[in-house]
Amino acid sequence: MTWLSTLRPVTLIVIRAMILANAVLLGIIGGLYLVFAARPGGAIVAGILWAGALALLALLPATRPRRGNSRW
């Protein structure tokens, strides 16, 4: 993803903030499913949502192409 190196630093901060906010929101919704939904469906949905949150958090290092610890 070489397009990340062409973006302005403020744009990268906004992208990182949006990814982090979405991951936190998925984590919270997963917790609510785990607490309030019927078993075993609530636990399954919570696990799927938490896996999605972890996948989003795995994208965060990829949004720092100028720091030297990027994969590209």
PDB file of N, CA and C in Angstrom:
ATOM      1  N   MET A   1       0.832  -1.178   0.000  1.00  0.00           N
ATOM      2  CA  MET A   1       0.000   0.000   0.000  1.00  0.00           C
ATOM      3  C   MET A   1       0.875   1.240   0.000  1.00  0.00           C
ATOM      4  N   THR A   2       1.390   1.556  -1.131  1.00  0.00           N
ATOM      5  CA  THR A   2       2.260   2.719  -1.223  1.00  0.00           C
ATOM      6  C   THR A   2       1.483   4.025  -1.172  1.00  0.00           C
ATOM      7  N   TRP A   3       0.177   3.962  -1.301  1.00  0.00           N
ATOM      8  CA  TRP A   3      -0.610   5.190  -1.246  1.00  0.00           C
ATOM      9  C   TRP A   3      -0.545   5.830   0.126  1.00  0.00           C
ATOM     10  N   LEU A   4      -0.239   5.059   1.172  1.00  0.00           N
ATOM     11  CA  LEU A   4      -0.124   5.634   2.513  1.00  0.00           C
ATOM     12  C   LEU A   4       1.040   6.610   2.601  1.00  0.00           C
ATOM     13  N   SER A   5       2.104   6.375   1.856  1.00  0.00           N
ATOM     14  CA  SER A   5       3.248   7.266   1.913  1.00  0.00           C
ATOM     15  C   SER A   5       2.975   8.591   1.218  1.00  0.00           C
ATOM     16  N   THR A   6       1.902   8.678   0.431  1.00  0.00           N
ATOM     17  CA  THR A   6       1.579   9.924  -0.254  1.00  0.00           C
ATOM     18  C   THR A   6       0.606  10.784   0.546  1.00  0.00           C
ATOM     19  N   LEU A   7       0.093  10.278   1.644  1.00  0.00           N
ATOM     20  CA  LEU A   7      -0.887  11.029   2.432  1.00  0.00           C
ATOM     21  C   LEU A   7      -0.203  11.989   3.391  1.00  0.00           C
ATOM     22  N   ARG A   8      -0.916  13.024   3.757  1.00  0.00           N
ATOM     23  CA  ARG A   8      -0.402  13.984   4.737  1.00  0.00           C
ATOM     24  C   ARG A   8      -0.436  13.367   6.125  1.00  0.00           C
ATOM     25  N   PRO A   9       0.412  13.853   7.032  1.00  0.00           N
ATOM     26  CA  PRO A   9       0.429  13.295   8.390  1.00  0.00           C
ATOM     27  C   PRO A   9      -0.905  13.425   9.121  1.00  0.00           C
ATOM     28  N   VAL A  10      -1.613  14.520   8.913  1.00  0.00           N
ATOM     29  CA  VAL A  10      -2.906  14.694   9.580  1.00  0.00           C
ATOM     30  C   VAL A  10      -3.903  13.646   9.083  1.00  0.00           C
ATOM     31  N   THR A  11      -3.847  13.337   7.808  1.00  0.00           N
ATOM     32  CA  THR A  11      -4.727  12.315   7.249  1.00  0.00           C
ATOM     33  C   THR A  11      -4.436  10.959   7.868  1.00  0.00           C
ATOM     34  N   LEU A  12      -3.158  10.652   8.063  1.00  0.00           N
ATOM     35  CA  LEU A  12      -2.794   9.388   8.696  1.00  0.00           C
ATOM     36  C   LEU A  12      -3.289   9.323  10.136  1.00  0.00           C
ATOM     37  N   ILE A  13      -3.223  10.441  10.843  1.00  0.00           N
ATOM     38  CA  ILE A  13      -3.728  10.469  12.216  1.00  0.00           C
ATOM     39  C   ILE A  13      -5.228  10.219  12.229  1.00  0.00           C
ATOM     40  N   VAL A  14      -5.950  10.811  11.286  1.00  0.00           N
ATOM     41  CA  VAL A  14      -7.403  10.621  11.212  1.00  0.00           C
ATOM     42  C   VAL A  14      -7.730   9.164  10.884  1.00  0.00           C
ATOM     43  N   ILE A  15      -6.994   8.571   9.959  1.00  0.00           N
ATOM     44  CA  ILE A  15      -7.229   7.166   9.617  1.00  0.00           C
ATOM     45  C   ILE A  15      -6.981   6.282  10.829  1.00  0.00           C
ATOM     46  N   ARG A  16      -5.885   6.528  11.545  1.00  0.00           N
ATOM     47  CA  ARG A  16      -5.580   5.735  12.739  1.00  0.00           C
ATOM     48  C   ARG A  16      -6.661   5.915  13.803  1.00  0.00           C
ATOM     49  N   ALA A  17      -7.132   7.142  13.994  1.00  0.00           N
ATOM     50  CA  ALA A  17      -8.173   7.399  14.993  1.00  0.00           C
ATOM     51  C   ALA A  17      -9.475   6.690  14.627  1.00  0.00           C
ATOM     52  N   MET A  18      -9.813   6.676  13.349  1.00  0.00           N
ATOM     53  CA  MET A  18     -11.044   6.009  12.922  1.00  0.00           C
ATOM     54  C   MET A  18     -10.939   4.497  13.099  1.00  0.00           C
ATOM     55  N   ILE A  19      -9.783   3.916  12.778  1.00  0.00           N
ATOM     56  CA  ILE A  19      -9.598   2.478  12.973  1.00  0.00           C
ATOM     57  C   ILE A  19      -9.686   2.139  14.451  1.00  0.00           C
ATOM     58  N   LEU A  20      -9.035   2.941  15.294  1.00  0.00           N
ATOM     59  CA  LEU A  20      -9.062   2.686  16.733  1.00  0.00           C
ATOM     60  C   LEU A  20     -10.469   2.834  17.301  1.00  0.00           C
ATOM     61  N   ALA A  21     -11.193   3.868  16.868  1.00  0.00           N
ATOM     62  CA  ALA A  21     -12.557   4.068  17.354  1.00  0.00           C
ATOM     63  C   ALA A  21     -13.470   2.915  16.941  1.00  0.00           C
ATOM     64  N   ASN A  22     -13.323   2.431  15.721  1.00  0.00           N
ATOM     65  CA  ASN A  22     -14.141   1.304  15.275  1.00  0.00           C
ATOM     66  C   ASN A  22     -13.804   0.034  16.041  1.00  0.00           C
ATOM     67  N   ALA A  23     -12.523  -0.187  16.331  1.00  0.00           N
ATOM     68  CA  ALA A  23     -12.131  -1.374  17.097  1.00  0.00           C
ATOM     69  C   ALA A  23     -12.690  -1.310  18.518  1.00  0.00           C
ATOM     70  N   VAL A  24     -12.629  -0.144  19.138  1.00  0.00           N
ATOM     71  CA  VAL A  24     -13.177   0.004  20.494  1.00  0.00           C
ATOM     72  C   VAL A  24     -14.683  -0.208  20.479  1.00  0.00           C
ATOM     73  N   LEU A  25     -15.359   0.344  19.494  1.00  0.00           N
ATOM     74  CA  LEU A  25     -16.809   0.181  19.392  1.00  0.00           C
ATOM     75  C   LEU A  25     -17.191  -1.283  19.196  1.00  0.00           C
ATOM     76  N   LEU A  26     -16.462  -2.004  18.351  1.00  0.00           N
ATOM     77  CA  LEU A  26     -16.738  -3.429  18.178  1.00  0.00           C
ATOM     78  C   LEU A  26     -16.508  -4.202  19.473  1.00  0.00           C
ATOM     79  N   GLY A  27     -15.473  -3.832  20.218  1.00  0.00           N
ATOM     80  CA  GLY A  27     -15.216  -4.482  21.501  1.00  0.00           C
ATOM     81  C   GLY A  27     -16.331  -4.252  22.502  1.00  0.00           C
ATOM     82  N   ILE A  28     -16.836  -3.030  22.559  1.00  0.00           N
ATOM     83  CA  ILE A  28     -17.935  -2.712  23.481  1.00  0.00           C
ATOM     84  C   ILE A  28     -19.212  -3.449  23.082  1.00  0.00           C
ATOM     85  N   ILE A  29     -19.531  -3.436  21.801  1.00  0.00           N
ATOM     86  CA  ILE A  29     -20.733  -4.133  21.339  1.00  0.00           C
ATOM     87  C   ILE A  29     -20.604  -5.635  21.590  1.00  0.00           C
ATOM     88  N   GLY A  30     -19.406  -6.186  21.392  1.00  0.00           N
ATOM     89  CA  GLY A  30     -19.188  -7.600  21.690  1.00  0.00           C
ATOM     90  C   GLY A  30     -19.407  -7.911  23.156  1.00  0.00           C
ATOM     91  N   GLY A  31     -18.961  -7.017  24.030  1.00  0.00           N
ATOM     92  CA  GLY A  31     -19.204  -7.208  25.458  1.00  0.00           C
ATOM     93  C   GLY A  31     -20.677  -7.160  25.809  1.00  0.00           C
ATOM     94  N   LEU A  32     -21.402  -6.259  25.172  1.00  0.00           N
ATOM     95  CA  LEU A  32     -22.847  -6.193  25.419  1.00  0.00           C
ATOM     96  C   LEU A  32     -23.560  -7.444  24.930  1.00  0.00           C
ATOM     97  N   TYR A  33     -23.138  -7.960  23.772  1.00  0.00           N
ATOM     98  CA  TYR A  33     -23.713  -9.224  23.296  1.00  0.00           C
ATOM     99  C   TYR A  33     -23.424 -10.351  24.280  1.00  0.00           C
ATOM    100  N   LEU A  34     -22.220 -10.385  24.804  1.00  0.00           N
ATOM    101  CA  LEU A  34     -21.849 -11.450  25.720  1.00  0.00           C
ATOM    102  C   LEU A  34     -22.690 -11.399  27.003  1.00  0.00           C
ATOM    103  N   VAL A  35     -22.968 -10.195  27.477  1.00  0.00           N
ATOM    104  CA  VAL A  35     -23.699 -10.048  28.736  1.00  0.00           C
ATOM    105  C   VAL A  35     -25.200 -10.232  28.556  1.00  0.00           C
ATOM    106  N   PHE A  36     -25.768  -9.660  27.497  1.00  0.00           N
ATOM    107  CA  PHE A  36     -27.221  -9.590  27.411  1.00  0.00           C
ATOM    108  C   PHE A  36     -27.872 -10.561  26.430  1.00  0.00           C
ATOM    109  N   ALA A  37     -27.140 -11.152  25.518  1.00  0.00           N
ATOM    110  CA  ALA A  37     -27.758 -12.049  24.536  1.00  0.00           C
ATOM    111  C   ALA A  37     -27.862 -13.462  25.105  1.00  0.00           C
ATOM    112  N   ALA A  38     -28.767 -14.221  24.544  1.00  0.00           N
ATOM    113  CA  ALA A  38     -28.989 -15.590  25.006  1.00  0.00           C
ATOM    114  C   ALA A  38     -27.797 -16.469  24.633  1.00  0.00           C
ATOM    115  N   ARG A  39     -27.545 -17.447  25.472  1.00  0.00           N
ATOM    116  CA  ARG A  39     -26.436 -18.380  25.219  1.00  0.00           C
ATOM    117  C   ARG A  39     -26.857 -19.409  24.200  1.00  0.00           C
ATOM    118  N   PRO A  40     -26.076 -19.990  23.416  1.00  0.00           N
ATOM    119  CA  PRO A  40     -24.677 -19.710  23.115  1.00  0.00           C
ATOM    120  C   PRO A  40     -24.504 -18.674  22.020  1.00  0.00           C
ATOM    121  N   GLY A  41     -25.610 -18.177  21.461  1.00  0.00           N
ATOM    122  CA  GLY A  41     -25.519 -17.223  20.358  1.00  0.00           C
ATOM    123  C   GLY A  41     -24.800 -15.938  20.728  1.00  0.00           C
ATOM    124  N   GLY A  42     -25.024 -15.448  21.936  1.00  0.00           N
ATOM    125  CA  GLY A  42     -24.369 -14.213  22.363  1.00  0.00           C
ATOM    126  C   GLY A  42     -22.862 -14.355  22.429  1.00  0.00           C
ATOM    127  N   ALA A  43     -22.395 -15.496  22.911  1.00  0.00           N
ATOM    128  CA  ALA A  43     -20.955 -15.723  22.992  1.00  0.00           C
ATOM    129  C   ALA A  43     -20.338 -15.865  21.601  1.00  0.00           C
ATOM    130  N   ILE A  44     -21.076 -16.463  20.692  1.00  0.00           N
ATOM    131  CA  ILE A  44     -20.561 -16.621  19.326  1.00  0.00           C
ATOM    132  C   ILE A  44     -20.456 -15.261  18.635  1.00  0.00           C
ATOM    133  N   VAL A  45     -21.505 -14.461  18.745  1.00  0.00           N
ATOM    134  CA  VAL A  45     -21.488 -13.129  18.133  1.00  0.00           C
ATOM    135  C   VAL A  45     -20.418 -12.266  18.781  1.00  0.00           C
ATOM    136  N   ALA A  46     -20.266 -12.356  20.105  1.00  0.00           N
ATOM    137  CA  ALA A  46     -19.230 -11.584  20.796  1.00  0.00           C
ATOM    138  C   ALA A  46     -17.847 -11.987  20.308  1.00  0.00           C
ATOM    139  N   GLY A  47     -17.623 -13.261  20.127  1.00  0.00           N
ATOM    140  CA  GLY A  47     -16.329 -13.721  19.621  1.00  0.00           C
ATOM    141  C   GLY A  47     -16.044 -13.216  18.217  1.00  0.00           C
ATOM    142  N   ILE A  48     -17.059 -13.209  17.379  1.00  0.00           N
ATOM    143  CA  ILE A  48     -16.885 -12.702  16.014  1.00  0.00           C
ATOM    144  C   ILE A  48     -16.577 -11.211  16.031  1.00  0.00           C
ATOM    145  N   LEU A  49     -17.297 -10.460  16.866  1.00  0.00           N
ATOM    146  CA  LEU A  49     -17.048  -9.024  16.948  1.00  0.00           C
ATOM    147  C   LEU A  49     -15.667  -8.724  17.517  1.00  0.00           C
ATOM    148  N   TRP A  50     -15.240  -9.479  18.516  1.00  0.00           N
ATOM    149  CA  TRP A  50     -13.903  -9.263  19.084  1.00  0.00           C
ATOM    150  C   TRP A  50     -12.820  -9.644  18.094  1.00  0.00           C
ATOM    151  N   ALA A  51     -13.057 -10.656  17.277  1.00  0.00           N
ATOM    152  CA  ALA A  51     -12.090 -11.008  16.230  1.00  0.00           C
ATOM    153  C   ALA A  51     -11.985  -9.884  15.201  1.00  0.00           C
ATOM    154  N   GLY A  52     -13.123  -9.274  14.878  1.00  0.00           N
ATOM    155  CA  GLY A  52     -13.100  -8.124  13.975  1.00  0.00           C
ATOM    156  C   GLY A  52     -12.344  -6.946  14.569  1.00  0.00           C
ATOM    157  N   ALA A  53     -12.518  -6.719  15.877  1.00  0.00           N
ATOM    158  CA  ALA A  53     -11.792  -5.642  16.539  1.00  0.00           C
ATOM    159  C   ALA A  53     -10.290  -5.909  16.528  1.00  0.00           C
ATOM    160  N   LEU A  54      -9.898  -7.149  16.762  1.00  0.00           N
ATOM    161  CA  LEU A  54      -8.473  -7.484  16.722  1.00  0.00           C
ATOM    162  C   LEU A  54      -7.905  -7.335  15.312  1.00  0.00           C
ATOM    163  N   ALA A  55      -8.701  -7.676  14.316  1.00  0.00           N
ATOM    164  CA  ALA A  55      -8.251  -7.505  12.937  1.00  0.00           C
ATOM    165  C   ALA A  55      -8.040  -6.024  12.610  1.00  0.00           C
ATOM    166  N   LEU A  56      -8.928  -5.178  13.111  1.00  0.00           N
ATOM    167  CA  LEU A  56      -8.746  -3.745  12.898  1.00  0.00           C
ATOM    168  C   LEU A  56      -7.510  -3.229  13.624  1.00  0.00           C
ATOM    169  N   LEU A  57      -7.287  -3.702  14.835  1.00  0.00           N
ATOM    170  CA  LEU A  57      -6.102  -3.268  15.577  1.00  0.00           C
ATOM    171  C   LEU A  57      -4.819  -3.751  14.915  1.00  0.00           C
ATOM    172  N   ALA A  58      -4.894  -4.849  14.208  1.00  0.00           N
ATOM    173  CA  ALA A  58      -3.711  -5.335  13.484  1.00  0.00           C
ATOM    174  C   ALA A  58      -3.357  -4.417  12.315  1.00  0.00           C
ATOM    175  N   LEU A  59      -4.302  -3.621  11.844  1.00  0.00           N
ATOM    176  CA  LEU A  59      -4.035  -2.687  10.759  1.00  0.00           C
ATOM    177  C   LEU A  59      -3.330  -1.421  11.214  1.00  0.00           C
ATOM    178  N   LEU A  60      -3.335  -1.119  12.497  1.00  0.00           N
ATOM    179  CA  LEU A  60      -2.759   0.133  12.964  1.00  0.00           C
ATOM    180  C   LEU A  60      -1.276   0.305  12.636  1.00  0.00           C
ATOM    181  N   PRO A  61      -0.420  -0.692  12.808  1.00  0.00           N
ATOM    182  CA  PRO A  61       0.982  -0.460  12.440  1.00  0.00           C
ATOM    183  C   PRO A  61       1.170  -0.194  10.950  1.00  0.00           C
ATOM    184  N   ALA A  62       0.264  -0.648  10.120  1.00  0.00           N
ATOM    185  CA  ALA A  62       0.384  -0.453   8.677  1.00  0.00           C
ATOM    186  C   ALA A  62       0.100   0.982   8.261  1.00  0.00           C
ATOM    187  N   THR A  63      -0.437   1.798   9.161  1.00  0.00           N
ATOM    188  CA  THR A  63      -0.753   3.179   8.811  1.00  0.00           C
ATOM    189  C   THR A  63       0.363   4.136   9.203  1.00  0.00           C
ATOM    190  N   ARG A  64       1.584   3.623   9.465  1.00  0.00           N
ATOM    191  CA  ARG A  64       2.707   4.487   9.806  1.00  0.00           C
ATOM    192  C   ARG A  64       3.872   4.230   8.848  1.00  0.00           C
ATOM    193  N   PRO A  65       3.741   4.577   7.591  1.00  0.00           N
ATOM    194  CA  PRO A  65       4.782   4.235   6.622  1.00  0.00           C
ATOM    195  C   PRO A  65       6.056   5.051   6.766  1.00  0.00           C
ATOM    196  N   ARG A  66       6.014   6.180   7.431  1.00  0.00           N
ATOM    197  CA  ARG A  66       7.196   7.036   7.527  1.00  0.00           C
ATOM    198  C   ARG A  66       8.063   6.734   8.745  1.00  0.00           C
ATOM    199  N   ARG A  67       7.663   5.836   9.596  1.00  0.00           N
ATOM    200  CA  ARG A  67       8.391   5.583  10.838  1.00  0.00           C
ATOM    201  C   ARG A  67       9.408   4.465  10.754  1.00  0.00           C
ATOM    202  N   GLY A  68       9.469   3.746   9.689  1.00  0.00           N
ATOM    203  CA  GLY A  68      10.457   2.698   9.545  1.00  0.00           C
ATOM    204  C   GLY A  68      10.026   1.334  10.025  1.00  0.00           C
ATOM    205  N   ASN A  69       8.931   1.224  10.755  1.00  0.00           N
ATOM    206  CA  ASN A  69       8.471  -0.071  11.220  1.00  0.00           C
ATOM    207  C   ASN A  69       7.269  -0.550  10.405  1.00  0.00           C
ATOM    208  N   SER A  70       7.153  -0.044   9.225  1.00  0.00           N
ATOM    209  CA  SER A  70       6.058  -0.441   8.356  1.00  0.00           C
ATOM    210  C   SER A  70       6.430  -1.715   7.597  1.00  0.00           C
ATOM    211  N   ARG A  71       5.427  -2.393   7.121  1.00  0.00           N
ATOM    212  CA  ARG A  71       5.651  -3.618   6.358  1.00  0.00           C
ATOM    213  C   ARG A  71       5.987  -3.328   4.903  1.00  0.00           C
ATOM    214  N   TRP A  72       5.847  -2.066   4.467  1.00  0.00           N
ATOM    215  CA  TRP A  72       6.086  -1.759   3.071  1.00  0.00           C
ATOM    216  C   TRP A  72       7.353  -1.002   2.947  1.00  0.00           C
TER     217      TRP A  72
END
